[in-house]
Each structure stands twice: as structure tokens, then as C-alpha cells.
Amino acid sequence: MGVSAVGKSTVGAELAERLGIPFLDADDLHDDAAVAAMSAGIALSDADRMPWLARVGDALAAQSGGAVIACSALALRYRDAIRASAPNAIFVHLDAPAEVLAIRAGAREGHFMPASLLTSQLATLEPLDDDERGFAVDASLPVADIVAEAAKRVVTEAAK
């Protein structure tokens, strides 16, 4: 989980490979209207997000052996919506300074989420609560280091 340009898809794909489970990208579950709105620089409302989050939770729950899914899941209510279908989800919050994110977002090409929406995502972001299943990882580290840390901690958390 995390804001746009934090590396969710890159880290998620490598984490899934390391854990030997499928990788899914929640961006692929957005409907056409949501993609069009975000492409136009319009932030989604909760009413726009909730059906998408239900699809994310359902997709995660459908993977009986587990999966890694890259999803913003910025707010507690969004994570709760995912947990409604996938109650054992473990959230890995990829966290990086705003300056790092701005550079990454500005350098991305061909992604529907414009860098202009980063500010609204950072304003929406609610870090994991102490009672939520998951943890934060410094996403400004090299990808290999992020994946190694996340894999170790996911395995530990899943064993609880």
C-alpha cells in the first residue's frame, strides 16, 4: 500500500516472486470511468473508490494460497473495505518522503495517475494503526532491500 509513485507495482511483483505467490495490481481493477477521471487529474471520491476496493478484496480473497496485490489503500476505511472480503490481509506500507515521490511521479511515463494528484493522496494517507495487521517499510531504499525486509516481515506476520 502507499501513494502513487512509491513503488507498489515494482516492489509487489518482486515480493510475490520471492514468496512464490501470484501478483495482482489493483490498478487493473479500476473501471473505465475511474481511470478517465484520474487521467483528467480528478481525485476519486469514496463513492468512486468503494466498488473498486470491494473488487480488490474479492480478488485477494480468491487467491487461496495468498497473493500480493499492489493497492493504494490509503485510509483505514479503505483497508477495512478490503478486509471485508480478505480479513487476513497483511498490509505493507511503502513509505517515502514527499520529495522522493515527486521526483518519481514526475519521471513516470504512460501511467494514468498524474503527478498532480500526489498532493491529494498524501493528504488522504493514514498510516497503519497499531492494531492493524501490517507494517511500514522505507520505500526510498533500493528495491532489493525493500523486498528482503518486506518478505521477512510478511512471513513473520503470517505465522502469528
Protein backbone atom coordinates (compact mmCIF):
# COMPACT_ATOMS: atom_id res chain seq x y z
CA MET A 1 0.00 0.00 0.00
CA GLY A 2 1.01 3.61 -0.42
CA VAL A 3 0.64 6.67 -2.54
CA SER A 4 1.24 6.88 -6.26
CA ALA A 5 4.87 6.51 -7.39
CA VAL A 6 6.02 4.86 -4.16
CA GLY A 7 6.85 1.63 -5.99
CA LYS A 8 3.86 -0.59 -5.19
CA SER A 9 3.85 -2.43 -8.52
CA THR A 10 7.62 -2.87 -8.74
CA VAL A 11 8.05 -3.99 -5.14
CA GLY A 12 4.84 -6.03 -5.20
CA ALA A 13 5.84 -8.03 -8.26
CA GLU A 14 9.27 -8.81 -6.81
CA LEU A 15 7.82 -9.62 -3.38
CA ALA A 16 5.30 -12.02 -4.93
CA GLU A 17 8.06 -13.72 -6.89
CA ARG A 18 10.18 -14.08 -3.77
CA LEU A 19 7.25 -15.51 -1.79
CA GLY A 20 6.17 -17.77 -4.68
CA ILE A 21 2.64 -16.40 -4.86
CA PRO A 22 0.68 -14.50 -7.55
CA PHE A 23 0.97 -10.76 -8.06
CA LEU A 24 -2.07 -8.62 -8.84
CA ASP A 25 -2.23 -4.90 -9.50
CA ALA A 26 -5.32 -3.14 -8.13
CA ASP A 27 -4.96 -0.52 -10.87
CA ASP A 28 -6.21 -3.21 -13.27
CA LEU A 29 -9.46 -3.41 -11.29
CA HIS A 30 -10.48 0.24 -11.75
CA ASP A 31 -13.45 0.79 -14.00
CA ASP A 32 -13.12 2.94 -17.12
CA ALA A 33 -14.83 5.94 -15.50
CA ALA A 34 -12.35 5.99 -12.61
CA VAL A 35 -9.37 5.73 -14.94
CA ALA A 36 -10.76 8.57 -17.08
CA ALA A 37 -11.31 10.76 -14.01
CA MET A 38 -7.81 10.18 -12.64
CA SER A 39 -6.29 10.68 -16.09
CA ALA A 40 -8.00 14.08 -16.13
CA GLY A 41 -6.46 14.93 -12.74
CA ILE A 42 -9.69 14.41 -10.80
CA ALA A 43 -9.29 12.65 -7.46
CA LEU A 44 -11.77 9.85 -6.81
CA SER A 45 -14.41 10.21 -4.12
CA ASP A 46 -15.10 7.49 -1.58
CA ALA A 47 -18.24 6.61 -3.57
CA ASP A 48 -15.98 6.04 -6.60
CA ARG A 49 -13.46 4.00 -4.60
CA MET A 50 -15.68 1.62 -2.63
CA PRO A 51 -16.78 -0.65 -5.53
CA TRP A 52 -13.13 -0.81 -6.63
CA LEU A 53 -11.98 -1.69 -3.11
CA ALA A 54 -14.60 -4.43 -2.96
CA ARG A 55 -13.14 -5.84 -6.20
CA VAL A 56 -9.65 -5.63 -4.69
CA GLY A 57 -10.74 -7.54 -1.58
CA ASP A 58 -12.57 -10.14 -3.68
CA ALA A 59 -9.54 -10.61 -5.95
CA LEU A 60 -7.27 -11.07 -2.94
CA ALA A 61 -9.70 -13.47 -1.24
CA ALA A 62 -9.96 -15.55 -4.43
CA GLN A 63 -6.27 -16.46 -4.16
CA SER A 64 -6.49 -19.40 -1.74
CA GLY A 65 -2.72 -19.68 -1.36
CA GLY A 66 -2.23 -15.96 -0.85
CA ALA A 67 -1.18 -13.19 -3.20
CA VAL A 68 0.50 -9.83 -3.26
CA ILE A 69 -1.73 -7.03 -4.55
CA ALA A 70 -0.45 -3.53 -5.20
CA CYS A 71 -3.13 -1.14 -3.96
CA SER A 72 -3.03 2.37 -2.55
CA ALA A 73 -5.29 1.51 0.45
CA LEU A 74 -4.52 4.98 1.79
CA ALA A 75 -7.11 5.25 4.53
CA LEU A 76 -8.25 2.93 7.30
CA ARG A 77 -11.77 2.79 5.82
CA TYR A 78 -10.26 1.63 2.51
CA ARG A 79 -8.25 -1.10 4.21
CA ASP A 80 -11.37 -2.09 6.14
CA ALA A 81 -13.23 -2.41 2.81
CA ILE A 82 -10.53 -4.80 1.56
CA ARG A 83 -10.55 -6.74 4.83
CA ALA A 84 -14.32 -7.24 4.47
CA SER A 85 -13.51 -9.89 1.85
CA ALA A 86 -9.90 -10.66 2.82
CA PRO A 87 -9.82 -10.48 6.65
CA ASN A 88 -6.30 -11.90 6.93
CA ALA A 89 -4.70 -9.33 4.64
CA ILE A 90 -1.30 -8.08 5.73
CA PHE A 91 -0.60 -4.50 4.64
CA VAL A 92 2.95 -3.45 3.71
CA HIS A 93 3.01 0.35 3.74
CA LEU A 94 5.68 1.60 1.34
CA ASP A 95 6.62 4.96 2.79
CA ALA A 96 8.91 7.57 1.24
CA PRO A 97 9.47 11.32 1.66
CA ALA A 98 7.29 13.61 -0.46
CA GLU A 99 10.37 14.91 -2.31
CA VAL A 100 11.31 11.38 -3.44
CA LEU A 101 7.73 10.70 -4.53
CA ALA A 102 7.51 13.93 -6.51
CA ILE A 103 10.67 13.06 -8.45
CA ARG A 104 9.41 9.55 -9.19
CA ALA A 105 5.93 10.73 -10.19
CA GLY A 106 7.39 13.36 -12.49
CA ALA A 107 9.64 10.81 -14.19
CA ARG A 108 6.90 8.25 -14.86
CA GLU A 109 5.61 7.90 -18.38
CA GLY A 110 2.43 6.25 -19.60
CA HIS A 111 0.67 5.98 -16.24
CA PHE A 112 -2.89 7.24 -15.89
CA MET A 113 -2.23 8.80 -12.47
CA PRO A 114 -0.77 12.28 -12.97
CA ALA A 115 1.81 13.69 -10.58
CA SER A 116 -0.67 16.46 -9.77
CA LEU A 117 -2.74 14.02 -7.68
CA LEU A 118 0.17 13.15 -5.38
CA THR A 119 -0.68 16.02 -3.01
CA SER A 120 -4.25 14.78 -2.55
CA GLN A 121 -3.01 11.24 -1.97
CA LEU A 122 -0.56 12.38 0.69
CA ALA A 123 -3.37 14.33 2.38
CA THR A 124 -5.57 11.21 2.36
CA LEU A 125 -2.86 8.83 3.61
CA GLU A 126 -3.49 7.36 7.05
CA PRO A 127 -0.53 5.27 8.21
CA LEU A 128 -1.33 1.86 9.63
CA ASP A 129 -2.79 1.86 13.12
CA ASP A 130 -1.05 -0.18 15.80
CA ASP A 131 -3.91 -2.69 15.78
CA GLU A 132 -3.79 -3.24 12.00
CA ARG A 133 -2.04 -6.29 10.62
CA GLY A 134 0.95 -4.89 8.75
CA PHE A 135 4.00 -2.65 8.89
CA ALA A 136 5.81 0.17 7.11
CA VAL A 137 8.96 -0.15 5.02
CA ASP A 138 11.19 2.71 3.86
CA ALA A 139 10.49 2.87 0.12
CA SER A 140 13.44 5.16 -0.56
CA LEU A 141 15.75 2.15 -0.12
CA PRO A 142 16.86 0.04 -3.10
CA VAL A 143 14.10 -2.30 -4.31
CA ALA A 144 16.07 -5.43 -3.33
CA ASP A 145 16.35 -4.16 0.26
CA ILE A 146 12.65 -3.26 0.42
CA VAL A 147 11.68 -6.70 -0.87
CA ALA A 148 14.01 -8.50 1.54
CA GLU A 149 12.64 -6.59 4.54
CA ALA A 150 9.03 -6.96 3.44
CA ALA A 151 9.38 -10.70 2.77
CA LYS A 152 10.94 -11.34 6.16
CA ARG A 153 8.25 -9.38 7.97
CA VAL A 154 5.32 -10.80 5.95
CA VAL A 155 6.44 -14.35 6.77
CA THR A 156 6.72 -13.43 10.46
CA GLU A 157 3.32 -11.70 10.46
CA ALA A 158 1.62 -14.57 8.60
CA ALA A 159 2.91 -17.05 11.21
CA LYS A 160 1.11 -15.17 14.01
